[in-house]
Amino acid sequence: MSFRCTVAFKNLFLWQIINELTMGKKIIIMLLSGLLCQNIYAGGNDVHFYASIIDHSTVMPGGSKSPIRPLTATLEDHTLTFYSSFGEITPVELLDEEDNVVFTDCLVPGQTSLVFPDTLSGEYTIRLTVGSIYYIGVIEL
């Protein structure tokens, strides 16, 4: 019972403070809250990858039951930048609409960005192979 009274008293106290503020101060507080809560974004387009397990035999029996780590990168012009590096050599493939491989490269451990040739333009499927997992996304160059 005392916990409910304490919470109710704190809520009442905060409500009284908010009511005592003038409309101008309320607007300023809302604007500042909006500025502080919005995402920091430096430009470019986010690329979200979904994961697909290639070989279940290497993952399931005795393996980790935790979810696969999500992967996100930023594409600006023809440069794809990952938010973190990979711990192993990671093959990268670009596929066109007919699933033909039009570009291949590898990310080495510690590398966080990849530059695509300027001759490529249009929408492509990008596939990264990390161990027994495919990370697949769509980019537009």
N, C-alpha and C. Protein backbone atom coordinates (compact mmCIF):
# COMPACT_ATOMS: atom_id res chain seq x y z
N MET A 1 0.82 -1.19 0.00
CA MET A 1 0.00 0.00 0.00
C MET A 1 0.86 1.25 0.00
N SER A 2 1.96 1.21 0.78
CA SER A 2 2.81 2.41 0.84
C SER A 2 3.50 2.67 -0.49
N PHE A 3 3.79 1.60 -1.26
CA PHE A 3 4.41 1.78 -2.58
C PHE A 3 3.47 2.53 -3.51
N ARG A 4 2.19 2.15 -3.50
CA ARG A 4 1.21 2.82 -4.35
C ARG A 4 1.06 4.29 -3.96
N CYS A 5 1.08 4.57 -2.66
CA CYS A 5 0.97 5.95 -2.21
C CYS A 5 2.18 6.76 -2.65
N THR A 6 3.38 6.15 -2.57
CA THR A 6 4.59 6.85 -2.97
C THR A 6 4.55 7.18 -4.46
N VAL A 7 4.16 6.19 -5.28
CA VAL A 7 4.08 6.40 -6.72
C VAL A 7 3.02 7.45 -7.05
N ALA A 8 1.88 7.35 -6.39
CA ALA A 8 0.81 8.32 -6.63
C ALA A 8 1.26 9.72 -6.23
N PHE A 9 1.97 9.84 -5.12
CA PHE A 9 2.46 11.14 -4.68
C PHE A 9 3.46 11.72 -5.69
N LYS A 10 4.39 10.87 -6.20
CA LYS A 10 5.37 11.33 -7.18
C LYS A 10 4.67 11.77 -8.46
N ASN A 11 3.67 11.00 -8.92
CA ASN A 11 2.94 11.37 -10.12
C ASN A 11 2.19 12.69 -9.92
N LEU A 12 1.59 12.87 -8.75
CA LEU A 12 0.88 14.10 -8.45
C LEU A 12 1.83 15.28 -8.41
N PHE A 13 3.02 15.05 -7.83
CA PHE A 13 4.03 16.10 -7.75
C PHE A 13 4.50 16.51 -9.15
N LEU A 14 4.77 15.52 -10.03
CA LEU A 14 5.19 15.83 -11.40
C LEU A 14 4.07 16.54 -12.16
N TRP A 15 2.82 16.12 -11.95
CA TRP A 15 1.68 16.74 -12.61
C TRP A 15 1.55 18.21 -12.20
N GLN A 16 1.79 18.51 -10.92
CA GLN A 16 1.71 19.89 -10.44
C GLN A 16 2.82 20.74 -11.07
N ILE A 17 4.01 20.18 -11.19
CA ILE A 17 5.11 20.92 -11.81
C ILE A 17 4.78 21.23 -13.27
N ILE A 18 4.26 20.23 -13.99
CA ILE A 18 3.92 20.44 -15.40
C ILE A 18 2.82 21.49 -15.54
N ASN A 19 1.83 21.46 -14.65
CA ASN A 19 0.73 22.43 -14.72
C ASN A 19 1.20 23.85 -14.42
N GLU A 20 2.24 24.02 -13.62
CA GLU A 20 2.73 25.34 -13.27
C GLU A 20 3.57 25.97 -14.38
N LEU A 21 4.02 25.16 -15.33
CA LEU A 21 4.80 25.71 -16.44
C LEU A 21 3.90 26.49 -17.38
N THR A 22 4.44 27.55 -17.93
CA THR A 22 3.68 28.31 -18.92
C THR A 22 3.69 27.54 -20.23
N MET A 23 2.80 27.90 -21.13
CA MET A 23 2.70 27.21 -22.42
C MET A 23 4.01 27.31 -23.19
N GLY A 24 4.68 28.46 -23.13
CA GLY A 24 5.95 28.63 -23.84
C GLY A 24 7.01 27.67 -23.34
N LYS A 25 7.08 27.49 -22.03
CA LYS A 25 8.06 26.57 -21.45
C LYS A 25 7.73 25.13 -21.83
N LYS A 26 6.44 24.80 -21.88
CA LYS A 26 6.04 23.44 -22.27
C LYS A 26 6.47 23.15 -23.70
N ILE A 27 6.30 24.13 -24.58
CA ILE A 27 6.69 23.94 -25.98
C ILE A 27 8.19 23.77 -26.09
N ILE A 28 8.95 24.57 -25.35
CA ILE A 28 10.41 24.45 -25.37
C ILE A 28 10.84 23.08 -24.86
N ILE A 29 10.23 22.60 -23.79
CA ILE A 29 10.58 21.29 -23.25
C ILE A 29 10.24 20.19 -24.26
N MET A 30 9.10 20.29 -24.94
CA MET A 30 8.74 19.28 -25.94
C MET A 30 9.72 19.29 -27.11
N LEU A 31 10.12 20.49 -27.56
CA LEU A 31 11.09 20.57 -28.66
C LEU A 31 12.43 19.99 -28.26
N LEU A 32 12.89 20.32 -27.06
CA LEU A 32 14.18 19.78 -26.59
C LEU A 32 14.11 18.27 -26.43
N SER A 33 12.99 17.77 -25.93
CA SER A 33 12.82 16.32 -25.79
C SER A 33 12.87 15.65 -27.16
N GLY A 34 12.22 16.25 -28.14
CA GLY A 34 12.24 15.69 -29.48
C GLY A 34 13.63 15.68 -30.08
N LEU A 35 14.39 16.75 -29.85
CA LEU A 35 15.75 16.80 -30.37
C LEU A 35 16.65 15.78 -29.69
N LEU A 36 16.47 15.59 -28.40
CA LEU A 36 17.32 14.66 -27.68
C LEU A 36 16.96 13.21 -27.96
N CYS A 37 15.72 12.95 -28.31
CA CYS A 37 15.27 11.57 -28.51
C CYS A 37 15.40 11.08 -29.94
N GLN A 38 15.61 11.97 -30.90
CA GLN A 38 15.69 11.51 -32.29
C GLN A 38 17.01 10.82 -32.54
N ASN A 39 17.04 9.97 -33.53
CA ASN A 39 18.25 9.23 -33.89
C ASN A 39 19.27 10.17 -34.50
N ILE A 40 20.52 9.91 -34.17
CA ILE A 40 21.61 10.65 -34.80
C ILE A 40 21.88 9.97 -36.14
N TYR A 41 21.82 10.73 -37.21
CA TYR A 41 21.90 10.15 -38.54
C TYR A 41 22.80 11.03 -39.40
N ALA A 42 23.84 10.43 -39.96
CA ALA A 42 24.83 11.19 -40.70
C ALA A 42 24.58 11.23 -42.20
N GLY A 43 23.51 10.64 -42.67
CA GLY A 43 23.23 10.63 -44.10
C GLY A 43 23.39 9.24 -44.66
N GLY A 44 23.09 9.08 -45.93
CA GLY A 44 23.17 7.78 -46.55
C GLY A 44 21.88 7.01 -46.35
N ASN A 45 21.85 5.80 -46.86
CA ASN A 45 20.68 4.94 -46.75
C ASN A 45 21.04 3.71 -45.94
N ASP A 46 20.21 3.38 -44.96
CA ASP A 46 20.45 2.17 -44.18
C ASP A 46 20.10 0.95 -45.01
N VAL A 47 20.94 -0.06 -44.91
CA VAL A 47 20.71 -1.34 -45.56
C VAL A 47 20.57 -2.37 -44.45
N HIS A 48 19.41 -3.03 -44.38
CA HIS A 48 19.16 -4.04 -43.37
C HIS A 48 19.27 -5.41 -44.02
N PHE A 49 19.99 -6.29 -43.37
CA PHE A 49 20.20 -7.64 -43.88
C PHE A 49 19.38 -8.62 -43.06
N TYR A 50 18.87 -9.64 -43.70
CA TYR A 50 18.26 -10.73 -42.94
C TYR A 50 19.18 -11.94 -43.06
N ALA A 51 19.11 -12.80 -42.07
CA ALA A 51 20.02 -13.93 -42.00
C ALA A 51 19.34 -15.21 -42.47
N SER A 52 20.10 -16.03 -43.15
CA SER A 52 19.63 -17.33 -43.61
C SER A 52 20.72 -18.35 -43.33
N ILE A 53 20.38 -19.43 -42.64
CA ILE A 53 21.38 -20.45 -42.30
C ILE A 53 21.61 -21.34 -43.51
N ILE A 54 22.88 -21.49 -43.89
CA ILE A 54 23.24 -22.30 -45.05
C ILE A 54 23.23 -23.79 -44.69
N ASP A 55 23.89 -24.12 -43.58
CA ASP A 55 24.06 -25.51 -43.18
C ASP A 55 23.60 -25.67 -41.74
N HIS A 56 22.43 -26.25 -41.53
CA HIS A 56 21.88 -26.42 -40.18
C HIS A 56 22.69 -27.39 -39.34
N SER A 57 23.41 -28.31 -39.95
CA SER A 57 24.15 -29.31 -39.17
C SER A 57 25.27 -28.67 -38.36
N THR A 58 25.82 -27.55 -38.82
CA THR A 58 26.90 -26.91 -38.07
C THR A 58 26.38 -25.96 -37.01
N VAL A 59 25.08 -25.67 -37.03
CA VAL A 59 24.53 -24.71 -36.08
C VAL A 59 23.76 -25.39 -34.96
N MET A 60 22.88 -26.33 -35.27
CA MET A 60 21.92 -26.85 -34.31
C MET A 60 22.48 -27.81 -33.27
N PRO A 61 23.08 -28.95 -33.62
CA PRO A 61 23.44 -29.91 -32.57
C PRO A 61 24.56 -29.37 -31.68
N GLY A 62 24.20 -29.09 -30.44
CA GLY A 62 25.18 -28.60 -29.48
C GLY A 62 25.62 -27.17 -29.71
N GLY A 63 25.08 -26.53 -30.72
CA GLY A 63 25.47 -25.15 -31.02
C GLY A 63 24.69 -24.15 -30.19
N SER A 64 24.97 -22.90 -30.42
CA SER A 64 24.31 -21.82 -29.70
C SER A 64 22.84 -21.74 -30.09
N LYS A 65 22.01 -21.50 -29.10
CA LYS A 65 20.57 -21.35 -29.35
C LYS A 65 20.18 -19.87 -29.41
N SER A 66 21.15 -19.00 -29.30
CA SER A 66 20.86 -17.56 -29.32
C SER A 66 20.53 -17.12 -30.74
N PRO A 67 19.76 -16.03 -30.87
CA PRO A 67 19.41 -15.55 -32.21
C PRO A 67 20.64 -15.03 -32.95
N ILE A 68 20.55 -15.04 -34.26
CA ILE A 68 21.64 -14.56 -35.09
C ILE A 68 21.70 -13.04 -34.99
N ARG A 69 22.90 -12.51 -34.85
CA ARG A 69 23.10 -11.08 -34.70
C ARG A 69 22.61 -10.36 -35.95
N PRO A 70 21.76 -9.32 -35.78
CA PRO A 70 21.31 -8.57 -36.96
C PRO A 70 22.46 -7.77 -37.56
N LEU A 71 22.35 -7.47 -38.82
CA LEU A 71 23.40 -6.75 -39.52
C LEU A 71 22.79 -5.56 -40.25
N THR A 72 23.39 -4.39 -40.05
CA THR A 72 22.93 -3.17 -40.70
C THR A 72 24.16 -2.43 -41.21
N ALA A 73 24.00 -1.78 -42.34
CA ALA A 73 25.08 -0.99 -42.93
C ALA A 73 24.48 0.29 -43.51
N THR A 74 25.35 1.20 -43.90
CA THR A 74 24.93 2.45 -44.54
C THR A 74 25.51 2.51 -45.94
N LEU A 75 24.67 2.85 -46.91
CA LEU A 75 25.12 2.99 -48.29
C LEU A 75 25.07 4.46 -48.67
N GLU A 76 26.22 4.99 -49.04
CA GLU A 76 26.31 6.37 -49.51
C GLU A 76 27.08 6.37 -50.82
N ASP A 77 26.43 6.81 -51.88
CA ASP A 77 26.97 6.71 -53.24
C ASP A 77 27.25 5.23 -53.54
N HIS A 78 28.49 4.86 -53.77
CA HIS A 78 28.84 3.47 -54.05
C HIS A 78 29.66 2.85 -52.92
N THR A 79 29.58 3.43 -51.71
CA THR A 79 30.33 2.93 -50.56
C THR A 79 29.39 2.36 -49.52
N LEU A 80 29.57 1.09 -49.21
CA LEU A 80 28.79 0.41 -48.18
C LEU A 80 29.65 0.34 -46.93
N THR A 81 29.13 0.89 -45.82
CA THR A 81 29.88 0.93 -44.56
C THR A 81 29.11 0.17 -43.49
N PHE A 82 29.77 -0.81 -42.88
CA PHE A 82 29.16 -1.60 -41.81
C PHE A 82 29.47 -0.93 -40.47
N TYR A 83 28.56 -1.10 -39.52
CA TYR A 83 28.74 -0.49 -38.21
C TYR A 83 29.77 -1.22 -37.37
N SER A 84 30.09 -2.45 -37.72
CA SER A 84 31.14 -3.20 -37.03
C SER A 84 31.85 -4.08 -38.05
N SER A 85 33.06 -4.47 -37.71
CA SER A 85 33.84 -5.29 -38.64
C SER A 85 33.58 -6.78 -38.38
N PHE A 86 34.00 -7.60 -39.32
CA PHE A 86 33.84 -9.04 -39.22
C PHE A 86 35.15 -9.64 -38.71
N GLY A 87 35.05 -10.75 -38.01
CA GLY A 87 36.23 -11.39 -37.45
C GLY A 87 36.88 -12.39 -38.39
N GLU A 88 36.33 -12.55 -39.56
CA GLU A 88 36.87 -13.51 -40.51
C GLU A 88 36.72 -12.95 -41.93
N ILE A 89 37.39 -13.59 -42.89
CA ILE A 89 37.24 -13.17 -44.28
C ILE A 89 35.80 -13.44 -44.70
N THR A 90 35.14 -12.39 -45.23
CA THR A 90 33.72 -12.46 -45.56
C THR A 90 33.50 -12.21 -47.04
N PRO A 91 33.13 -13.24 -47.81
CA PRO A 91 32.83 -13.03 -49.22
C PRO A 91 31.56 -12.19 -49.40
N VAL A 92 31.59 -11.29 -50.38
CA VAL A 92 30.46 -10.42 -50.69
C VAL A 92 30.12 -10.62 -52.17
N GLU A 93 28.82 -10.79 -52.46
CA GLU A 93 28.37 -10.95 -53.84
C GLU A 93 27.21 -10.01 -54.10
N LEU A 94 27.22 -9.40 -55.29
CA LEU A 94 26.07 -8.63 -55.76
C LEU A 94 25.39 -9.45 -56.85
N LEU A 95 24.05 -9.57 -56.74
CA LEU A 95 23.28 -10.34 -57.70
C LEU A 95 22.26 -9.43 -58.37
N ASP A 96 22.07 -9.60 -59.67
CA ASP A 96 21.07 -8.80 -60.38
C ASP A 96 19.69 -9.44 -60.24
N GLU A 97 18.70 -8.95 -61.01
CA GLU A 97 17.33 -9.44 -60.90
C GLU A 97 17.18 -10.92 -61.25
N GLU A 98 18.05 -11.42 -62.13
CA GLU A 98 17.99 -12.83 -62.53
C GLU A 98 18.90 -13.70 -61.67
N ASP A 99 19.38 -13.18 -60.53
CA ASP A 99 20.29 -13.87 -59.61
C ASP A 99 21.64 -14.21 -60.23
N ASN A 100 22.06 -13.43 -61.24
CA ASN A 100 23.40 -13.57 -61.79
C ASN A 100 24.37 -12.76 -60.94
N VAL A 101 25.51 -13.34 -60.61
CA VAL A 101 26.52 -12.63 -59.83
C VAL A 101 27.20 -11.61 -60.74
N VAL A 102 27.11 -10.31 -60.38
CA VAL A 102 27.69 -9.26 -61.21
C VAL A 102 28.92 -8.63 -60.55
N PHE A 103 29.15 -8.93 -59.26
CA PHE A 103 30.30 -8.38 -58.55
C PHE A 103 30.61 -9.27 -57.36
N THR A 104 31.90 -9.53 -57.13
CA THR A 104 32.33 -10.27 -55.95
C THR A 104 33.53 -9.57 -55.34
N ASP A 105 33.64 -9.67 -54.03
CA ASP A 105 34.78 -9.12 -53.29
C ASP A 105 34.78 -9.80 -51.93
N CYS A 106 35.80 -9.52 -51.14
CA CYS A 106 35.88 -10.06 -49.78
C CYS A 106 36.20 -8.94 -48.80
N LEU A 107 35.57 -9.02 -47.65
CA LEU A 107 35.92 -8.14 -46.54
C LEU A 107 36.91 -8.89 -45.65
N VAL A 108 38.03 -8.27 -45.34
CA VAL A 108 39.02 -8.91 -44.47
C VAL A 108 38.74 -8.50 -43.03
N PRO A 109 39.23 -9.25 -42.05
CA PRO A 109 38.98 -8.89 -40.65
C PRO A 109 39.42 -7.45 -40.36
N GLY A 110 38.55 -6.70 -39.73
CA GLY A 110 38.82 -5.30 -39.40
C GLY A 110 38.31 -4.31 -40.43
N GLN A 111 38.01 -4.76 -41.64
CA GLN A 111 37.51 -3.88 -42.70
C GLN A 111 36.03 -3.60 -42.48
N THR A 112 35.63 -2.33 -42.55
CA THR A 112 34.23 -1.97 -42.31
C THR A 112 33.54 -1.37 -43.53
N SER A 113 34.27 -1.13 -44.61
CA SER A 113 33.61 -0.53 -45.78
C SER A 113 34.04 -1.23 -47.06
N LEU A 114 33.16 -1.10 -48.05
CA LEU A 114 33.38 -1.72 -49.35
C LEU A 114 32.90 -0.74 -50.41
N VAL A 115 33.73 -0.52 -51.44
CA VAL A 115 33.38 0.41 -52.51
C VAL A 115 33.05 -0.40 -53.77
N PHE A 116 31.86 -0.13 -54.31
CA PHE A 116 31.43 -0.79 -55.53
C PHE A 116 31.85 0.04 -56.74
N PRO A 117 32.08 -0.59 -57.89
CA PRO A 117 32.47 0.15 -59.09
C PRO A 117 31.36 1.12 -59.53
N ASP A 118 31.78 2.25 -60.08
CA ASP A 118 30.82 3.25 -60.57
C ASP A 118 30.00 2.75 -61.76
N THR A 119 30.48 1.70 -62.41
CA THR A 119 29.77 1.18 -63.58
C THR A 119 28.49 0.44 -63.19
N LEU A 120 28.36 0.07 -61.92
CA LEU A 120 27.15 -0.62 -61.47
C LEU A 120 26.08 0.41 -61.11
N SER A 121 24.88 0.19 -61.61
CA SER A 121 23.76 1.05 -61.24
C SER A 121 22.48 0.23 -61.28
N GLY A 122 21.55 0.58 -60.42
CA GLY A 122 20.30 -0.16 -60.34
C GLY A 122 20.16 -0.84 -58.99
N GLU A 123 19.17 -1.73 -58.92
CA GLU A 123 18.89 -2.43 -57.67
C GLU A 123 19.54 -3.81 -57.70
N TYR A 124 20.23 -4.16 -56.62
CA TYR A 124 20.93 -5.43 -56.53
C TYR A 124 20.64 -6.10 -55.19
N THR A 125 20.72 -7.42 -55.19
CA THR A 125 20.70 -8.18 -53.95
C THR A 125 22.15 -8.36 -53.53
N ILE A 126 22.44 -8.07 -52.27
CA ILE A 126 23.80 -8.24 -51.76
C ILE A 126 23.78 -9.41 -50.78
N ARG A 127 24.79 -10.28 -50.91
CA ARG A 127 24.85 -11.48 -50.06
C ARG A 127 26.25 -11.58 -49.45
N LEU A 128 26.29 -11.66 -48.14
CA LEU A 128 27.53 -11.86 -47.41
C LEU A 128 27.50 -13.25 -46.79
N THR A 129 28.61 -13.96 -46.85
CA THR A 129 28.69 -15.29 -46.27
C THR A 129 29.60 -15.23 -45.06
N VAL A 130 29.00 -15.43 -43.87
CA VAL A 130 29.76 -15.40 -42.62
C VAL A 130 29.60 -16.76 -41.97
N GLY A 131 30.64 -17.60 -42.09
CA GLY A 131 30.55 -18.97 -41.56
C GLY A 131 29.45 -19.73 -42.28
N SER A 132 28.47 -20.20 -41.51
CA SER A 132 27.37 -20.96 -42.11
C SER A 132 26.10 -20.13 -42.25
N ILE A 133 26.27 -18.81 -42.32
CA ILE A 133 25.12 -17.90 -42.41
C ILE A 133 25.27 -16.99 -43.61
N TYR A 134 24.18 -16.86 -44.39
CA TYR A 134 24.08 -15.83 -45.43
C TYR A 134 23.40 -14.61 -44.81
N TYR A 135 23.97 -13.44 -45.02
CA TYR A 135 23.27 -12.19 -44.73
C TYR A 135 22.86 -11.61 -46.07
N ILE A 136 21.57 -11.36 -46.26
CA ILE A 136 21.05 -10.94 -47.56
C ILE A 136 20.30 -9.63 -47.40
N GLY A 137 20.59 -8.68 -48.31
CA GLY A 137 19.92 -7.39 -48.30
C GLY A 137 19.73 -6.89 -49.73
N VAL A 138 19.12 -5.74 -49.86
CA VAL A 138 18.89 -5.13 -51.17
C VAL A 138 19.47 -3.72 -51.14
N ILE A 139 20.24 -3.38 -52.18
CA ILE A 139 20.83 -2.05 -52.28
C ILE A 139 20.50 -1.47 -53.65
N GLU A 140 20.49 -0.14 -53.72
CA GLU A 140 20.31 0.52 -55.01
C GLU A 140 21.49 1.46 -55.22
N LEU A 141 22.22 1.19 -56.29
CA LEU A 141 23.41 2.00 -56.63
C LEU A 141 23.06 3.01 -57.70
